[in-house]
Amino acid sequence: MEESKLKAARLLEQMSAHLATDAGKEIAKKVGFVYQLNISPKKMGVDEEIFVVDLKKGAVSTGKYEGNPDAAFTFTDDDFLAIASGKLNPQMAFIRGKLKIKGSISAAQKFTPDIFPKPSKL
């Protein structure tokens, strides 16, 4: 994996390790969707890095998903971290234009801070 400048990349590395634990496997079993995250350092859509959180397989990877993810999200690094940590409500982020969603809204609604490991110091 090439070194990412995104703070989100560190959280997603923790997520990857988290999914290997029993708690992580429970989350994957409960959610069962594939999410593609398009994360930009500052401005949405500029210098995006793409991550896939596959809660069917319980894995996190970089690069576009092969096929269609259940839901794809576009946001900035800071907004992603705020949503993942529960500081920013995903619905509010969406309404304010800080989050774009493509795909299944029901899948998107399961993308909550609960699926992320509680942040250790990032």
PDB file of N, CA and C in Angstrom:
ATOM      1  N   MET A   1       0.852  -1.187   0.000  1.00  0.00           N
ATOM      2  CA  MET A   1       0.000   0.000   0.000  1.00  0.00           C
ATOM      3  C   MET A   1       0.889   1.239   0.000  1.00  0.00           C
ATOM      4  N   GLU A   2       0.652   2.144  -0.938  1.00  0.00           N
ATOM      5  CA  GLU A   2       1.509   3.326  -0.958  1.00  0.00           C
ATOM      6  C   GLU A   2       1.099   4.261   0.178  1.00  0.00           C
ATOM      7  N   GLU A   3       2.042   5.044   0.645  1.00  0.00           N
ATOM      8  CA  GLU A   3       1.814   5.903   1.805  1.00  0.00           C
ATOM      9  C   GLU A   3       0.793   6.986   1.459  1.00  0.00           C
ATOM     10  N   SER A   4      -0.252   7.058   2.256  1.00  0.00           N
ATOM     11  CA  SER A   4      -1.288   8.048   2.023  1.00  0.00           C
ATOM     12  C   SER A   4      -1.044   9.267   2.911  1.00  0.00           C
ATOM     13  N   LYS A   5      -1.404  10.437   2.414  1.00  0.00           N
ATOM     14  CA  LYS A   5      -1.306  11.654   3.213  1.00  0.00           C
ATOM     15  C   LYS A   5      -2.589  11.873   4.027  1.00  0.00           C
ATOM     16  N   LEU A   6      -3.587  11.060   3.772  1.00  0.00           N
ATOM     17  CA  LEU A   6      -4.869  11.237   4.445  1.00  0.00           C
ATOM     18  C   LEU A   6      -4.853  10.696   5.868  1.00  0.00           C
ATOM     19  N   LYS A   7      -5.459  11.440   6.782  1.00  0.00           N
ATOM     20  CA  LYS A   7      -5.639  10.939   8.153  1.00  0.00           C
ATOM     21  C   LYS A   7      -6.591   9.747   8.113  1.00  0.00           C
ATOM     22  N   ALA A   8      -7.523   9.784   7.172  1.00  0.00           N
ATOM     23  CA  ALA A   8      -8.493   8.702   7.027  1.00  0.00           C
ATOM     24  C   ALA A   8      -7.801   7.360   6.781  1.00  0.00           C
ATOM     25  N   ALA A   9      -6.671   7.387   6.087  1.00  0.00           N
ATOM     26  CA  ALA A   9      -5.972   6.140   5.762  1.00  0.00           C
ATOM     27  C   ALA A   9      -5.556   5.416   7.040  1.00  0.00           C
ATOM     28  N   ARG A  10      -5.150   6.176   8.064  1.00  0.00           N
ATOM     29  CA  ARG A  10      -4.759   5.544   9.328  1.00  0.00           C
ATOM     30  C   ARG A  10      -5.965   4.912  10.015  1.00  0.00           C
ATOM     31  N   LEU A  11      -7.100   5.609   9.975  1.00  0.00           N
ATOM     32  CA  LEU A  11      -8.317   5.049  10.560  1.00  0.00           C
ATOM     33  C   LEU A  11      -8.713   3.779   9.811  1.00  0.00           C
ATOM     34  N   LEU A  12      -8.583   3.805   8.490  1.00  0.00           N
ATOM     35  CA  LEU A  12      -8.969   2.634   7.696  1.00  0.00           C
ATOM     36  C   LEU A  12      -8.010   1.467   7.908  1.00  0.00           C
ATOM     37  N   GLU A  13      -6.739   1.760   8.222  1.00  0.00           N
ATOM     38  CA  GLU A  13      -5.811   0.675   8.583  1.00  0.00           C
ATOM     39  C   GLU A  13      -6.255   0.031   9.899  1.00  0.00           C
ATOM     40  N   GLN A  14      -6.674   0.873  10.852  1.00  0.00           N
ATOM     41  CA  GLN A  14      -7.185   0.337  12.126  1.00  0.00           C
ATOM     42  C   GLN A  14      -8.457  -0.472  11.881  1.00  0.00           C
ATOM     43  N   MET A  15      -9.289   0.033  10.973  1.00  0.00           N
ATOM     44  CA  MET A  15     -10.533  -0.656  10.629  1.00  0.00           C
ATOM     45  C   MET A  15     -10.223  -2.047  10.078  1.00  0.00           C
ATOM     46  N   SER A  16      -9.191  -2.123   9.233  1.00  0.00           N
ATOM     47  CA  SER A  16      -8.798  -3.386   8.643  1.00  0.00           C
ATOM     48  C   SER A  16      -8.428  -4.396   9.734  1.00  0.00           C
ATOM     49  N   ALA A  17      -7.648  -3.949  10.706  1.00  0.00           N
ATOM     50  CA  ALA A  17      -7.258  -4.814  11.816  1.00  0.00           C
ATOM     51  C   ALA A  17      -8.481  -5.165  12.669  1.00  0.00           C
ATOM     52  N   HIS A  18      -9.361  -4.178  12.865  1.00  0.00           N
ATOM     53  CA  HIS A  18     -10.577  -4.367  13.662  1.00  0.00           C
ATOM     54  C   HIS A  18     -11.472  -5.450  13.051  1.00  0.00           C
ATOM     55  N   LEU A  19     -11.562  -5.471  11.719  1.00  0.00           N
ATOM     56  CA  LEU A  19     -12.434  -6.446  11.052  1.00  0.00           C
ATOM     57  C   LEU A  19     -11.942  -7.875  11.222  1.00  0.00           C
ATOM     58  N   ALA A  20     -10.668  -8.030  11.573  1.00  0.00           N
ATOM     59  CA  ALA A  20     -10.123  -9.377  11.791  1.00  0.00           C
ATOM     60  C   ALA A  20     -10.484  -9.907  13.190  1.00  0.00           C
ATOM     61  N   THR A  21     -10.967  -9.021  14.066  1.00  0.00           N
ATOM     62  CA  THR A  21     -11.324  -9.448  15.424  1.00  0.00           C
ATOM     63  C   THR A  21     -12.750  -9.992  15.437  1.00  0.00           C
ATOM     64  N   ASP A  22     -13.118 -10.629  16.535  1.00  0.00           N
ATOM     65  CA  ASP A  22     -14.490 -11.144  16.648  1.00  0.00           C
ATOM     66  C   ASP A  22     -15.520 -10.021  16.558  1.00  0.00           C
ATOM     67  N   ALA A  23     -15.228  -8.898  17.212  1.00  0.00           N
ATOM     68  CA  ALA A  23     -16.154  -7.751  17.167  1.00  0.00           C
ATOM     69  C   ALA A  23     -16.316  -7.272  15.729  1.00  0.00           C
ATOM     70  N   GLY A  24     -15.196  -7.227  15.020  1.00  0.00           N
ATOM     71  CA  GLY A  24     -15.226  -6.799  13.619  1.00  0.00           C
ATOM     72  C   GLY A  24     -16.008  -7.766  12.746  1.00  0.00           C
ATOM     73  N   LYS A  25     -15.854  -9.065  13.010  1.00  0.00           N
ATOM     74  CA  LYS A  25     -16.576 -10.075  12.218  1.00  0.00           C
ATOM     75  C   LYS A  25     -18.081  -9.957  12.456  1.00  0.00           C
ATOM     76  N   GLU A  26     -18.461  -9.635  13.697  1.00  0.00           N
ATOM     77  CA  GLU A  26     -19.881  -9.422  14.021  1.00  0.00           C
ATOM     78  C   GLU A  26     -20.449  -8.266  13.203  1.00  0.00           C
ATOM     79  N   ILE A  27     -19.684  -7.168  13.131  1.00  0.00           N
ATOM     80  CA  ILE A  27     -20.114  -5.983  12.373  1.00  0.00           C
ATOM     81  C   ILE A  27     -20.297  -6.353  10.910  1.00  0.00           C
ATOM     82  N   ALA A  28     -19.314  -7.053  10.352  1.00  0.00           N
ATOM     83  CA  ALA A  28     -19.382  -7.446   8.945  1.00  0.00           C
ATOM     84  C   ALA A  28     -20.624  -8.306   8.698  1.00  0.00           C
ATOM     85  N   LYS A  29     -20.897  -9.237   9.634  1.00  0.00           N
ATOM     86  CA  LYS A  29     -22.044 -10.127   9.481  1.00  0.00           C
ATOM     87  C   LYS A  29     -23.347  -9.327   9.544  1.00  0.00           C
ATOM     88  N   LYS A  30     -23.397  -8.358  10.457  1.00  0.00           N
ATOM     89  CA  LYS A  30     -24.603  -7.568  10.669  1.00  0.00           C
ATOM     90  C   LYS A  30     -24.871  -6.612   9.506  1.00  0.00           C
ATOM     91  N   VAL A  31     -23.819  -5.982   8.971  1.00  0.00           N
ATOM     92  CA  VAL A  31     -23.997  -4.956   7.945  1.00  0.00           C
ATOM     93  C   VAL A  31     -24.041  -5.577   6.550  1.00  0.00           C
ATOM     94  N   GLY A  32     -22.991  -6.334   6.204  1.00  0.00           N
ATOM     95  CA  GLY A  32     -22.990  -7.098   4.949  1.00  0.00           C
ATOM     96  C   GLY A  32     -23.047  -6.294   3.653  1.00  0.00           C
ATOM     97  N   PHE A  33     -22.544  -5.070   3.680  1.00  0.00           N
ATOM     98  CA  PHE A  33     -22.527  -4.257   2.457  1.00  0.00           C
ATOM     99  C   PHE A  33     -21.099  -3.897   2.071  1.00  0.00           C
ATOM    100  N   VAL A  34     -20.940  -3.478   0.826  1.00  0.00           N
ATOM    101  CA  VAL A  34     -19.641  -3.019   0.338  1.00  0.00           C
ATOM    102  C   VAL A  34     -19.721  -1.509   0.109  1.00  0.00           C
ATOM    103  N   TYR A  35     -18.796  -0.786   0.728  1.00  0.00           N
ATOM    104  CA  TYR A  35     -18.763   0.675   0.611  1.00  0.00           C
ATOM    105  C   TYR A  35     -17.497   1.116  -0.101  1.00  0.00           C
ATOM    106  N   GLN A  36     -17.658   2.028  -1.045  1.00  0.00           N
ATOM    107  CA  GLN A  36     -16.496   2.648  -1.660  1.00  0.00           C
ATOM    108  C   GLN A  36     -16.415   4.070  -1.125  1.00  0.00           C
ATOM    109  N   LEU A  37     -15.246   4.434  -0.601  1.00  0.00           N
ATOM    110  CA  LEU A  37     -15.041   5.765  -0.034  1.00  0.00           C
ATOM    111  C   LEU A  37     -14.113   6.552  -0.943  1.00  0.00           C
ATOM    112  N   ASN A  38     -14.587   7.668  -1.444  1.00  0.00           N
ATOM    113  CA  ASN A  38     -13.774   8.552  -2.270  1.00  0.00           C
ATOM    114  C   ASN A  38     -13.407   9.735  -1.373  1.00  0.00           C
ATOM    115  N   ILE A  39     -12.168   9.775  -0.926  1.00  0.00           N
ATOM    116  CA  ILE A  39     -11.771  10.761   0.083  1.00  0.00           C
ATOM    117  C   ILE A  39     -10.727  11.716  -0.495  1.00  0.00           C
ATOM    118  N   SER A  40     -10.997  13.006  -0.359  1.00  0.00           N
ATOM    119  CA  SER A  40     -10.093  14.050  -0.862  1.00  0.00           C
ATOM    120  C   SER A  40      -9.429  14.761   0.302  1.00  0.00           C
ATOM    121  N   PRO A  41      -8.163  15.200   0.105  1.00  0.00           N
ATOM    122  CA  PRO A  41      -7.470  15.895   1.198  1.00  0.00           C
ATOM    123  C   PRO A  41      -8.196  17.167   1.637  1.00  0.00           C
ATOM    124  N   LYS A  42      -8.612  18.012   0.696  1.00  0.00           N
ATOM    125  CA  LYS A  42      -9.201  19.311   1.055  1.00  0.00           C
ATOM    126  C   LYS A  42     -10.526  19.573   0.343  1.00  0.00           C
ATOM    127  N   LYS A  43     -10.517  19.454  -0.979  1.00  0.00           N
ATOM    128  CA  LYS A  43     -11.675  19.833  -1.778  1.00  0.00           C
ATOM    129  C   LYS A  43     -12.257  18.575  -2.413  1.00  0.00           C
ATOM    130  N   MET A  44     -13.572  18.366  -2.218  1.00  0.00           N
ATOM    131  CA  MET A  44     -14.239  17.168  -2.732  1.00  0.00           C
ATOM    132  C   MET A  44     -13.933  16.939  -4.200  1.00  0.00           C
ATOM    133  N   GLY A  45     -13.521  15.717  -4.548  1.00  0.00           N
ATOM    134  CA  GLY A  45     -13.286  15.372  -5.939  1.00  0.00           C
ATOM    135  C   GLY A  45     -11.893  15.722  -6.458  1.00  0.00           C
ATOM    136  N   VAL A  46     -11.067  16.360  -5.623  1.00  0.00           N
ATOM    137  CA  VAL A  46      -9.720  16.745  -6.057  1.00  0.00           C
ATOM    138  C   VAL A  46      -8.687  15.867  -5.340  1.00  0.00           C
ATOM    139  N   ASP A  47      -7.784  15.242  -6.112  1.00  0.00           N
ATOM    140  CA  ASP A  47      -6.749  14.342  -5.563  1.00  0.00           C
ATOM    141  C   ASP A  47      -7.347  13.247  -4.683  1.00  0.00           C
ATOM    142  N   GLU A  48      -8.456  12.699  -5.129  1.00  0.00           N
ATOM    143  CA  GLU A  48      -9.154  11.668  -4.361  1.00  0.00           C
ATOM    144  C   GLU A  48      -8.328  10.414  -4.175  1.00  0.00           C
ATOM    145  N   GLU A  49      -8.456   9.829  -3.012  1.00  0.00           N
ATOM    146  CA  GLU A  49      -7.957   8.470  -2.809  1.00  0.00           C
ATOM    147  C   GLU A  49      -9.188   7.613  -2.587  1.00  0.00           C
ATOM    148  N   ILE A  50      -9.144   6.403  -3.121  1.00  0.00           N
ATOM    149  CA  ILE A  50     -10.318   5.540  -3.058  1.00  0.00           C
ATOM    150  C   ILE A  50     -10.016   4.329  -2.183  1.00  0.00           C
ATOM    151  N   PHE A  51     -10.940   4.068  -1.269  1.00  0.00           N
ATOM    152  CA  PHE A  51     -10.834   2.921  -0.368  1.00  0.00           C
ATOM    153  C   PHE A  51     -12.116   2.120  -0.477  1.00  0.00           C
ATOM    154  N   VAL A  52     -12.008   0.818  -0.260  1.00  0.00           N
ATOM    155  CA  VAL A  52     -13.198  -0.026  -0.231  1.00  0.00           C
ATOM    156  C   VAL A  52     -13.268  -0.688   1.137  1.00  0.00           C
ATOM    157  N   VAL A  53     -14.404  -0.493   1.798  1.00  0.00           N
ATOM    158  CA  VAL A  53     -14.671  -1.188   3.064  1.00  0.00           C
ATOM    159  C   VAL A  53     -15.686  -2.272   2.708  1.00  0.00           C
ATOM    160  N   ASP A  54     -15.200  -3.499   2.625  1.00  0.00           N
ATOM    161  CA  ASP A  54     -16.024  -4.628   2.195  1.00  0.00           C
ATOM    162  C   ASP A  54     -16.520  -5.370   3.429  1.00  0.00           C
ATOM    163  N   LEU A  55     -17.786  -5.115   3.794  1.00  0.00           N
ATOM    164  CA  LEU A  55     -18.338  -5.769   4.977  1.00  0.00           C
ATOM    165  C   LEU A  55     -19.080  -7.043   4.589  1.00  0.00           C
ATOM    166  N   LYS A  56     -18.821  -7.539   3.375  1.00  0.00           N
ATOM    167  CA  LYS A  56     -19.244  -8.901   3.026  1.00  0.00           C
ATOM    168  C   LYS A  56     -18.076  -9.823   3.359  1.00  0.00           C
ATOM    169  N   LYS A  57     -16.866  -9.388   2.951  1.00  0.00           N
ATOM    170  CA  LYS A  57     -15.659 -10.186   3.194  1.00  0.00           C
ATOM    171  C   LYS A  57     -14.961  -9.796   4.487  1.00  0.00           C
ATOM    172  N   GLY A  58     -15.291  -8.609   5.011  1.00  0.00           N
ATOM    173  CA  GLY A  58     -14.600  -8.122   6.207  1.00  0.00           C
ATOM    174  C   GLY A  58     -13.183  -7.682   5.875  1.00  0.00           C
ATOM    175  N   ALA A  59     -13.061  -6.811   4.871  1.00  0.00           N
ATOM    176  CA  ALA A  59     -11.732  -6.364   4.439  1.00  0.00           C
ATOM    177  C   ALA A  59     -11.775  -4.899   4.020  1.00  0.00           C
ATOM    178  N   VAL A  60     -10.611  -4.263   4.114  1.00  0.00           N
ATOM    179  CA  VAL A  60     -10.459  -2.889   3.643  1.00  0.00           C
ATOM    180  C   VAL A  60      -9.356  -2.898   2.595  1.00  0.00           C
ATOM    181  N   SER A  61      -9.594  -2.241   1.464  1.00  0.00           N
ATOM    182  CA  SER A  61      -8.567  -2.198   0.426  1.00  0.00           C
ATOM    183  C   SER A  61      -8.542  -0.810  -0.209  1.00  0.00           C
ATOM    184  N   THR A  62      -7.518  -0.569  -1.021  1.00  0.00           N
ATOM    185  CA  THR A  62      -7.438   0.712  -1.719  1.00  0.00           C
ATOM    186  C   THR A  62      -7.745   0.489  -3.184  1.00  0.00           C
ATOM    187  N   GLY A  63      -8.200   1.535  -3.845  1.00  0.00           N
ATOM    188  CA  GLY A  63      -8.535   1.448  -5.265  1.00  0.00           C
ATOM    189  C   GLY A  63     -10.010   1.148  -5.453  1.00  0.00           C
ATOM    190  N   LYS A  64     -10.489   1.384  -6.660  1.00  0.00           N
ATOM    191  CA  LYS A  64     -11.911   1.203  -6.972  1.00  0.00           C
ATOM    192  C   LYS A  64     -12.362  -0.232  -6.731  1.00  0.00           C
ATOM    193  N   TYR A  65     -13.628  -0.371  -6.387  1.00  0.00           N
ATOM    194  CA  TYR A  65     -14.224  -1.699  -6.197  1.00  0.00           C
ATOM    195  C   TYR A  65     -14.499  -2.317  -7.566  1.00  0.00           C
ATOM    196  N   GLU A  66     -14.226  -3.608  -7.682  1.00  0.00           N
ATOM    197  CA  GLU A  66     -14.551  -4.320  -8.931  1.00  0.00           C
ATOM    198  C   GLU A  66     -16.056  -4.548  -8.939  1.00  0.00           C
ATOM    199  N   GLY A  67     -16.738  -3.960  -9.899  1.00  0.00           N
ATOM    200  CA  GLY A  67     -18.194  -4.084  -9.924  1.00  0.00           C
ATOM    201  C   GLY A  67     -18.814  -2.875  -9.246  1.00  0.00           C
ATOM    202  N   ASN A  68     -20.034  -3.029  -8.760  1.00  0.00           N
ATOM    203  CA  ASN A  68     -20.710  -1.908  -8.118  1.00  0.00           C
ATOM    204  C   ASN A  68     -20.775  -2.095  -6.611  1.00  0.00           C
ATOM    205  N   PRO A  69     -20.235  -1.130  -5.862  1.00  0.00           N
ATOM    206  CA  PRO A  69     -20.390  -1.201  -4.416  1.00  0.00           C
ATOM    207  C   PRO A  69     -21.862  -0.959  -4.070  1.00  0.00           C
ATOM    208  N   ASP A  70     -22.286  -1.386  -2.878  1.00  0.00           N
ATOM    209  CA  ASP A  70     -23.667  -1.134  -2.459  1.00  0.00           C
ATOM    210  C   ASP A  70     -23.907   0.366  -2.311  1.00  0.00           C
ATOM    211  N   ALA A  71     -22.888   1.071  -1.809  1.00  0.00           N
ATOM    212  CA  ALA A  71     -22.980   2.529  -1.704  1.00  0.00           C
ATOM    213  C   ALA A  71     -21.582   3.114  -1.848  1.00  0.00           C
ATOM    214  N   ALA A  72     -21.515   4.278  -2.487  1.00  0.00           N
ATOM    215  CA  ALA A  72     -20.243   4.987  -2.621  1.00  0.00           C
ATOM    216  C   ALA A  72     -20.415   6.368  -1.999  1.00  0.00           C
ATOM    217  N   PHE A  73     -19.422   6.769  -1.235  1.00  0.00           N
ATOM    218  CA  PHE A  73     -19.464   8.059  -0.556  1.00  0.00           C
ATOM    219  C   PHE A  73     -18.306   8.916  -1.043  1.00  0.00           C
ATOM    220  N   THR A  74     -18.559  10.205  -1.159  1.00  0.00           N
ATOM    221  CA  THR A  74     -17.507  11.152  -1.499  1.00  0.00           C
ATOM    222  C   THR A  74     -17.485  12.212  -0.408  1.00  0.00           C
ATOM    223  N   PHE A  75     -16.307  12.427   0.185  1.00  0.00           N
ATOM    224  CA  PHE A  75     -16.163  13.466   1.194  1.00  0.00           C
ATOM    225  C   PHE A  75     -14.700  13.847   1.348  1.00  0.00           C
ATOM    226  N   THR A  76     -14.444  14.901   2.152  1.00  0.00           N
ATOM    227  CA  THR A  76     -13.067  15.291   2.422  1.00  0.00           C
ATOM    228  C   THR A  76     -12.568  14.474   3.612  1.00  0.00           C
ATOM    229  N   ASP A  77     -11.276  14.463   3.770  1.00  0.00           N
ATOM    230  CA  ASP A  77     -10.612  13.739   4.850  1.00  0.00           C
ATOM    231  C   ASP A  77     -11.208  14.130   6.215  1.00  0.00           C
ATOM    232  N   ASP A  78     -11.275  15.435   6.481  1.00  0.00           N
ATOM    233  CA  ASP A  78     -11.771  15.895   7.780  1.00  0.00           C
ATOM    234  C   ASP A  78     -13.237  15.528   8.011  1.00  0.00           C
ATOM    235  N   ASP A  79     -14.064  15.672   6.969  1.00  0.00           N
ATOM    236  CA  ASP A  79     -15.484  15.331   7.127  1.00  0.00           C
ATOM    237  C   ASP A  79     -15.669  13.833   7.336  1.00  0.00           C
ATOM    238  N   PHE A  80     -14.868  13.023   6.623  1.00  0.00           N
ATOM    239  CA  PHE A  80     -14.941  11.569   6.838  1.00  0.00           C
ATOM    240  C   PHE A  80     -14.608  11.228   8.291  1.00  0.00           C
ATOM    241  N   LEU A  81     -13.529  11.816   8.813  1.00  0.00           N
ATOM    242  CA  LEU A  81     -13.133  11.526  10.195  1.00  0.00           C
ATOM    243  C   LEU A  81     -14.191  11.994  11.180  1.00  0.00           C
ATOM    244  N   ALA A  82     -14.805  13.144  10.905  1.00  0.00           N
ATOM    245  CA  ALA A  82     -15.860  13.662  11.782  1.00  0.00           C
ATOM    246  C   ALA A  82     -17.068  12.717  11.786  1.00  0.00           C
ATOM    247  N   ILE A  83     -17.414  12.184  10.626  1.00  0.00           N
ATOM    248  CA  ILE A  83     -18.536  11.241  10.539  1.00  0.00           C
ATOM    249  C   ILE A  83     -18.172   9.925  11.238  1.00  0.00           C
ATOM    250  N   ALA A  84     -16.972   9.399  10.952  1.00  0.00           N
ATOM    251  CA  ALA A  84     -16.546   8.115  11.524  1.00  0.00           C
ATOM    252  C   ALA A  84     -16.463   8.174  13.047  1.00  0.00           C
ATOM    253  N   SER A  85     -16.115   9.354  13.581  1.00  0.00           N
ATOM    254  CA  SER A  85     -15.965   9.465  15.035  1.00  0.00           C
ATOM    255  C   SER A  85     -17.255   9.900  15.717  1.00  0.00           C
ATOM    256  N   GLY A  86     -18.309  10.138  14.922  1.00  0.00           N
ATOM    257  CA  GLY A  86     -19.587  10.520  15.510  1.00  0.00           C
ATOM    258  C   GLY A  86     -19.720  12.015  15.797  1.00  0.00           C
ATOM    259  N   LYS A  87     -18.738  12.811  15.373  1.00  0.00           N
ATOM    260  CA  LYS A  87     -18.811  14.265  15.618  1.00  0.00           C
ATOM    261  C   LYS A  87     -19.722  14.954  14.599  1.00  0.00           C
ATOM    262  N   LEU A  88     -19.876  14.335  13.431  1.00  0.00           N
ATOM    263  CA  LEU A  88     -20.725  14.912  12.383  1.00  0.00           C
ATOM    264  C   LEU A  88     -21.766  13.867  11.994  1.00  0.00           C
ATOM    265  N   ASN A  89     -23.025  14.233  12.109  1.00  0.00           N
ATOM    266  CA  ASN A  89     -24.115  13.339  11.749  1.00  0.00           C
ATOM    267  C   ASN A  89     -24.132  13.156  10.222  1.00  0.00           C
ATOM    268  N   PRO A  90     -24.148  11.902   9.735  1.00  0.00           N
ATOM    269  CA  PRO A  90     -24.105  11.683   8.281  1.00  0.00           C
ATOM    270  C   PRO A  90     -25.258  12.365   7.538  1.00  0.00           C
ATOM    271  N   GLN A  91     -26.466  12.366   8.128  1.00  0.00           N
ATOM    272  CA  GLN A  91     -27.593  13.020   7.461  1.00  0.00           C
ATOM    273  C   GLN A  91     -27.350  14.527   7.322  1.00  0.00           C
ATOM    274  N   MET A  92     -26.818  15.132   8.395  1.00  0.00           N
ATOM    275  CA  MET A  92     -26.526  16.570   8.338  1.00  0.00           C
ATOM    276  C   MET A  92     -25.425  16.847   7.309  1.00  0.00           C
ATOM    277  N   ALA A  93     -24.415  15.984   7.286  1.00  0.00           N
ATOM    278  CA  ALA A  93     -23.318  16.144   6.324  1.00  0.00           C
ATOM    279  C   ALA A  93     -23.873  16.112   4.901  1.00  0.00           C
ATOM    280  N   PHE A  94     -24.805  15.184   4.662  1.00  0.00           N
ATOM    281  CA  PHE A  94     -25.412  15.030   3.339  1.00  0.00           C
ATOM    282  C   PHE A  94     -26.214  16.286   2.980  1.00  0.00           C
ATOM    283  N   ILE A  95     -27.042  16.745   3.922  1.00  0.00           N
ATOM    284  CA  ILE A  95     -27.876  17.928   3.688  1.00  0.00           C
ATOM    285  C   ILE A  95     -27.009  19.150   3.402  1.00  0.00           C
ATOM    286  N   ARG A  96     -25.895  19.267   4.119  1.00  0.00           N
ATOM    287  CA  ARG A  96     -25.011  20.432   3.941  1.00  0.00           C
ATOM    288  C   ARG A  96     -24.077  20.294   2.743  1.00  0.00           C
ATOM    289  N   GLY A  97     -24.161  19.170   2.019  1.00  0.00           N
ATOM    290  CA  GLY A  97     -23.318  18.990   0.844  1.00  0.00           C
ATOM    291  C   GLY A  97     -21.888  18.577   1.163  1.00  0.00           C
ATOM    292  N   LYS A  98     -21.655  18.112   2.398  1.00  0.00           N
ATOM    293  CA  LYS A  98     -20.305  17.663   2.785  1.00  0.00           C
ATOM    294  C   LYS A  98     -20.111  16.182   2.483  1.00  0.00           C
ATOM    295  N   LEU A  99     -21.187  15.526   2.042  1.00  0.00           N
ATOM    296  CA  LEU A  99     -21.157  14.091   1.787  1.00  0.00           C
ATOM    297  C   LEU A  99     -22.028  13.823   0.571  1.00  0.00           C
ATOM    298  N   LYS A 100     -21.468  13.110  -0.405  1.00  0.00           N
ATOM    299  CA  LYS A 100     -22.258  12.697  -1.562  1.00  0.00           C
ATOM    300  C   LYS A 100     -22.407  11.185  -1.499  1.00  0.00           C
ATOM    301  N   ILE A 101     -23.586  10.713  -1.853  1.00  0.00           N
ATOM    302  CA  ILE A 101     -23.860   9.276  -1.796  1.00  0.00           C
ATOM    303  C   ILE A 101     -24.367   8.804  -3.149  1.00  0.00           C
ATOM    304  N   LYS A 102     -23.806   7.692  -3.619  1.00  0.00           N
ATOM    305  CA  LYS A 102     -24.341   7.022  -4.810  1.00  0.00           C
ATOM    306  C   LYS A 102     -24.671   5.602  -4.386  1.00  0.00           C
ATOM    307  N   GLY A 103     -25.747   5.058  -4.957  1.00  0.00           N
ATOM    308  CA  GLY A 103     -26.078   3.667  -4.651  1.00  0.00           C
ATOM    309  C   GLY A 103     -27.252   3.566  -3.710  1.00  0.00           C
ATOM    310  N   SER A 104     -27.292   2.486  -2.961  1.00  0.00           N
ATOM    311  CA  SER A 104     -28.424   2.153  -2.109  1.00  0.00           C
ATOM    312  C   SER A 104     -28.469   3.022  -0.855  1.00  0.00           C
ATOM    313  N   ILE A 105     -29.581   3.715  -0.669  1.00  0.00           N
ATOM    314  CA  ILE A 105     -29.741   4.544   0.527  1.00  0.00           C
ATOM    315  C   ILE A 105     -29.856   3.657   1.770  1.00  0.00           C
ATOM    316  N   SER A 106     -30.514   2.500   1.652  1.00  0.00           N
ATOM    317  CA  SER A 106     -30.610   1.626   2.836  1.00  0.00           C
ATOM    318  C   SER A 106     -29.234   1.099   3.239  1.00  0.00           C
ATOM    319  N   ALA A 107     -28.377   0.817   2.259  1.00  0.00           N
ATOM    320  CA  ALA A 107     -26.999   0.409   2.577  1.00  0.00           C
ATOM    321  C   ALA A 107     -26.261   1.591   3.197  1.00  0.00           C
ATOM    322  N   ALA A 108     -26.468   2.774   2.628  1.00  0.00           N
ATOM    323  CA  ALA A 108     -25.789   3.975   3.121  1.00  0.00           C
ATOM    324  C   ALA A 108     -26.156   4.264   4.572  1.00  0.00           C
ATOM    325  N   GLN A 109     -27.390   3.997   4.944  1.00  0.00           N
ATOM    326  CA  GLN A 109     -27.840   4.285   6.315  1.00  0.00           C
ATOM    327  C   GLN A 109     -27.169   3.384   7.351  1.00  0.00           C
ATOM    328  N   LYS A 110     -26.632   2.262   6.906  1.00  0.00           N
ATOM    329  CA  LYS A 110     -25.931   1.363   7.849  1.00  0.00           C
ATOM    330  C   LYS A 110     -24.468   1.774   8.035  1.00  0.00           C
ATOM    331  N   PHE A 111     -24.042   2.776   7.279  1.00  0.00           N
ATOM    332  CA  PHE A 111     -22.674   3.277   7.383  1.00  0.00           C
ATOM    333  C   PHE A 111     -22.653   4.308   8.510  1.00  0.00           C
ATOM    334  N   THR A 112     -22.424   3.835   9.726  1.00  0.00           N
ATOM    335  CA  THR A 112     -22.500   4.696  10.910  1.00  0.00           C
ATOM    336  C   THR A 112     -21.195   4.600  11.691  1.00  0.00           C
ATOM    337  N   PRO A 113     -20.990   5.491  12.658  1.00  0.00           N
ATOM    338  CA  PRO A 113     -19.776   5.408  13.479  1.00  0.00           C
ATOM    339  C   PRO A 113     -19.626   4.053  14.182  1.00  0.00           C
ATOM    340  N   ASP A 114     -20.743   3.334  14.381  1.00  0.00           N
ATOM    341  CA  ASP A 114     -20.687   2.030  15.061  1.00  0.00           C
ATOM    342  C   ASP A 114     -19.826   1.012  14.336  1.00  0.00           C
ATOM    343  N   ILE A 115     -19.663   1.150  13.030  1.00  0.00           N
ATOM    344  CA  ILE A 115     -18.869   0.147  12.312  1.00  0.00           C
ATOM    345  C   ILE A 115     -17.369   0.389  12.456  1.00  0.00           C
ATOM    346  N   PHE A 116     -16.992   1.569  12.951  1.00  0.00           N
ATOM    347  CA  PHE A 116     -15.571   1.881  13.063  1.00  0.00           C
ATOM    348  C   PHE A 116     -15.035   1.547  14.436  1.00  0.00           C
ATOM    349  N   PRO A 117     -13.747   1.150  14.500  1.00  0.00           N
ATOM    350  CA  PRO A 117     -13.148   0.944  15.813  1.00  0.00           C
ATOM    351  C   PRO A 117     -13.122   2.292  16.519  1.00  0.00           C
ATOM    352  N   LYS A 118     -13.265   2.303  17.813  1.00  0.00           N
ATOM    353  CA  LYS A 118     -13.188   3.570  18.539  1.00  0.00           C
ATOM    354  C   LYS A 118     -11.781   4.106  18.351  1.00  0.00           C
ATOM    355  N   PRO A 119     -11.658   5.368  17.928  1.00  0.00           N
ATOM    356  CA  PRO A 119     -10.330   5.872  17.575  1.00  0.00           C
ATOM    357  C   PRO A 119      -9.370   5.855  18.756  1.00  0.00           C
ATOM    358  N   SER A 120      -8.266   5.194  18.526  1.00  0.00           N
ATOM    359  CA  SER A 120      -7.159   5.370  19.461  1.00  0.00           C
ATOM    360  C   SER A 120      -6.537   6.667  18.942  1.00  0.00           C
ATOM    361  N   LYS A 121      -5.511   7.144  19.520  1.00  0.00           N
ATOM    362  CA  LYS A 121      -4.947   8.435  19.071  1.00  0.00           C
ATOM    363  C   LYS A 121      -4.559   8.345  17.601  1.00  0.00           C
ATOM    364  N   LEU A 122      -5.133   9.220  16.793  1.00  0.00           N
ATOM    365  CA  LEU A 122      -4.782   9.227  15.353  1.00  0.00           C
ATOM    366  C   LEU A 122      -3.624  10.172  15.117  1.00  0.00           C
TER     367      LEU A 122
END
